[in-house]
Protein backbone atom coordinates (compact mmCIF):
# COMPACT_ATOMS: atom_id res chain seq x y z
CA MET A 1 -29.62 208.64 166.33
CA ARG A 2 -31.79 206.09 168.04
CA ASP A 3 -35.45 206.73 168.67
CA LEU A 4 -36.70 206.43 172.20
CA ILE A 5 -39.89 204.56 172.62
CA VAL A 6 -41.81 205.89 175.55
CA VAL A 7 -44.16 203.56 177.33
CA GLY A 8 -46.61 205.33 179.53
CA ASP A 9 -49.12 204.48 182.13
CA THR A 10 -51.30 207.50 182.37
CA ALA A 11 -53.18 206.14 185.35
CA SER A 12 -50.07 206.06 187.57
CA GLY A 13 -48.17 208.78 185.75
CA THR A 14 -45.15 206.49 185.18
CA LEU A 15 -43.11 206.88 182.02
CA VAL A 16 -40.35 204.44 181.12
CA ALA A 17 -38.08 204.93 178.15
CA THR A 18 -36.78 201.68 176.67
CA GLY A 19 -33.50 203.42 175.88
CA GLU A 20 -33.13 204.21 179.58
CA ILE A 21 -33.57 200.54 180.45
CA ASN A 22 -30.79 199.57 178.00
CA VAL A 23 -28.49 202.23 179.48
CA ARG A 24 -29.12 200.88 182.97
CA LYS A 25 -28.40 197.29 181.88
CA ASN A 26 -25.17 198.36 180.17
CA PHE A 27 -24.12 200.36 183.23
CA VAL A 28 -24.70 197.40 185.55
CA ALA A 29 -22.75 195.12 183.19
CA LEU A 30 -19.87 197.64 183.09
CA LEU A 31 -19.78 197.83 186.90
CA LEU A 32 -19.67 194.04 187.18
CA LEU A 33 -16.89 193.74 184.60
CA THR A 34 -14.86 196.48 186.26
CA GLY A 35 -15.13 194.78 189.65
CA LEU A 36 -14.22 191.39 188.23
CA SER A 37 -11.30 192.70 186.20
CA GLY A 38 -9.98 194.50 189.30
CA ALA A 39 -10.03 191.22 191.19
CA ALA A 40 -8.51 189.31 188.28
CA PHE A 41 -5.72 191.84 187.79
CA ALA A 42 -4.92 192.58 191.43
CA GLN A 43 -1.26 193.42 191.68
CA GLN A 44 1.01 190.79 193.08
CA ALA A 45 3.70 191.90 195.51
CA PRO A 46 7.10 192.48 193.89
CA PRO A 47 9.47 189.50 194.37
CA LEU A 48 11.81 191.39 196.74
CA LEU A 49 8.91 192.33 199.03
CA LEU A 50 7.35 188.87 198.87
CA ASN A 51 10.71 187.18 199.60
CA ALA A 52 11.34 189.53 202.54
CA ALA A 53 7.86 188.74 203.93
CA THR A 54 8.58 185.03 203.50
CA CYS A 55 11.85 185.52 205.39
CA LEU A 56 9.98 187.24 208.23
CA ALA A 57 7.42 184.42 208.29
CA SER A 58 10.21 181.81 208.44
CA LYS A 59 11.47 183.59 211.56
CA LYS A 60 7.95 183.55 213.05
CA GLN A 61 7.64 187.33 212.83
CA LEU A 62 4.62 187.28 210.50
CA PRO A 63 1.59 184.95 210.69
CA THR A 64 1.54 181.96 208.36
CA ALA A 65 -1.92 180.50 208.98
CA ALA A 66 -3.53 179.73 205.64
CA ASN A 67 -6.56 181.87 206.46
CA SER A 68 -4.54 184.90 207.61
CA SER A 69 -4.21 187.92 205.35
CA LEU A 70 -1.81 190.85 205.55
CA SER A 71 -1.37 194.07 203.68
CA ILE A 72 2.33 194.69 203.03
CA GLY A 73 4.31 197.52 201.57
CA GLY A 74 7.97 198.31 201.32
CA TRP A 75 10.32 201.22 200.92
CA THR A 76 14.00 200.88 200.08
CA ASP A 77 16.58 203.26 201.53
CA THR A 78 19.97 203.30 199.82
CA LYS A 79 21.25 206.54 201.38
CA ALA A 80 21.11 206.15 205.17
CA TYR A 81 23.81 203.48 205.22
CA PRO A 82 26.30 204.11 202.39
CA GLY A 83 26.95 200.98 200.36
CA LYS A 84 24.00 199.13 201.92
CA LYS A 85 20.35 198.70 201.04
CA VAL A 86 17.66 198.68 203.69
CA LEU A 87 14.13 197.51 202.99
CA TYR A 88 11.55 198.85 205.40
CA LEU A 89 8.65 196.42 205.31
CA VAL A 90 5.33 197.39 206.87
CA ALA A 91 2.69 194.71 207.49
CA THR A 92 -0.82 195.59 208.61
CA SER A 93 -4.11 193.76 208.93
CA GLY A 94 -7.55 195.31 208.76
CA SER A 95 -8.93 197.83 206.34
CA ASN A 96 -7.61 201.08 207.82
CA HIS A 97 -3.91 200.04 208.05
CA SER A 98 -3.58 201.94 211.32
CA ALA A 99 -1.82 199.19 213.26
CA GLY A 100 0.84 196.71 212.35
CA ARG A 101 4.51 195.87 212.38
CA VAL A 102 7.46 197.56 210.72
CA TYR A 103 10.85 195.98 210.05
CA SER A 104 14.24 197.14 208.84
CA ILE A 105 15.87 194.49 206.68
CA PHE A 106 19.31 194.88 205.18
CA TYR A 107 19.56 192.94 201.95
CA THR A 108 22.03 192.07 199.26
CA GLU A 109 21.62 190.27 195.97
CA TYR A 110 24.43 188.33 194.41
CA HIS A 111 24.17 185.97 191.43
CA HIS A 112 20.42 185.39 191.83
CA HIS A 113 20.82 184.81 195.57
CA GLN A 114 19.24 187.09 198.15
CA LEU A 115 20.50 187.59 201.69
CA PHE A 116 18.06 189.17 204.12
CA ASP A 117 19.32 190.34 207.49
CA ILE A 118 16.42 191.44 209.70
CA GLN A 119 17.92 194.08 211.96
CA ASN A 120 14.93 195.46 213.81
CA GLY A 121 11.17 195.29 214.10
CA THR A 122 8.41 196.70 216.22
CA THR A 123 4.65 197.03 216.58
CA PHE A 124 3.01 200.40 215.91
CA VAL A 125 -0.36 202.10 216.09
CA GLN A 126 -1.10 205.10 213.88
CA SER A 127 -3.77 207.62 214.82
CA THR A 128 -6.77 207.81 212.53
CA ASP A 129 -7.51 211.46 213.35
CA GLY A 130 -5.83 212.72 210.19
CA LYS A 131 -2.62 213.78 211.96
CA GLY A 132 -0.89 210.43 211.40
CA THR A 133 0.77 210.31 214.82
CA ILE A 134 2.61 207.01 215.26
CA ASN A 135 3.03 205.34 218.62
CA TYR A 136 5.23 202.31 219.13
CA VAL A 137 3.65 199.62 221.31
CA VAL A 138 7.00 197.96 221.80
CA PRO A 139 9.91 200.35 221.35
CA PRO A 140 12.33 199.29 218.60
CA ILE A 141 15.87 198.29 219.44
CA GLY A 142 18.02 201.41 219.47
CA LEU A 143 14.95 203.49 220.28
CA TYR A 144 16.20 206.94 219.33
CA ASP A 145 18.03 205.84 216.21
CA ALA A 146 15.32 203.50 214.88
CA GLU A 147 12.11 205.45 215.54
CA PRO A 148 12.72 208.25 213.00
CA SER A 149 13.54 205.71 210.27
CA PHE A 150 10.47 203.61 211.07
CA THR A 151 8.23 206.69 211.24
CA ALA A 152 9.55 207.89 207.86
CA ALA A 153 8.99 204.44 206.34
CA ILE A 154 5.41 204.21 207.61
CA GLY A 155 4.70 207.73 206.34
CA GLN A 156 6.27 206.94 202.97
CA LEU A 157 4.12 203.83 202.60
CA ASN A 158 0.90 205.72 203.25
CA SER A 159 1.21 207.04 199.68
CA GLN A 160 2.52 203.87 198.00
CA PRO A 161 0.90 200.64 196.85
CA ARG A 162 0.12 197.91 199.31
CA TYR A 163 -0.18 194.27 198.44
CA THR A 164 -2.35 191.64 200.05
CA VAL A 165 -0.64 188.35 200.86
CA THR A 166 -1.96 185.31 202.66
CA GLY A 167 -0.16 183.28 205.28
CA ALA A 168 -0.02 180.43 202.79
CA GLU A 169 1.83 182.61 200.25
CA ILE A 170 4.58 183.56 202.69
CA SER A 171 4.97 180.20 204.40
CA GLY A 172 6.54 178.44 201.45
CA LYS A 173 10.10 177.27 201.12
CA MET A 174 12.62 179.91 200.13
CA THR A 175 14.98 179.12 197.29
CA HIS A 176 18.13 181.09 196.57
CA THR A 177 17.53 183.02 199.78
CA THR A 178 19.34 183.24 203.09
CA CYS A 179 17.53 184.74 206.04
CA LYS A 180 19.05 185.98 209.32
CA SER A 181 17.35 187.82 212.15
CA TYR A 182 18.22 189.70 215.31
CA THR A 183 15.90 187.18 217.03
CA ASP A 184 17.91 184.12 215.94
CA ASN A 185 19.50 183.79 219.38
CA ASP A 186 16.04 183.89 220.99
CA GLN A 187 14.72 180.90 219.04
CA PRO A 188 15.44 177.24 219.78
């Protein structure tokens, strides 16, 4: 066991243990290392989610400015449409994730090629009162059919990991990927 050396100043009544100083220094060093390692090992978005976000950006449905930053998450549904896979992608900005956009994207993968078909998307605001009420700023296409799926996806993502991506990350060229959108007829 280590001996503590106590240094005292009887005039002021202050006692400092040198062992306590070493513990404080080690604690501060541990906090710094933990913070740095968290930044160094921040999780990168899974390829499917990153490629889907890049597809949305290529269709001008997500911002691509180099200084923009989004928090994205995804949930895959393989049961609602038998034989098809739907990725619900939620993109938010800001620290509380209470407002953003949600998309339904049908996707297939075949011989290392991905096909994304963006079927629907809308803007939402989620209450921060603890109830989680979701309001759609712009109603999704097929309002009554789409809202329950979007609401379930947003709720599902509240308990799943989110990934931070920059506009620069999702504005790159897509390889081995085809991207279609319900807005294709609206764009020149």
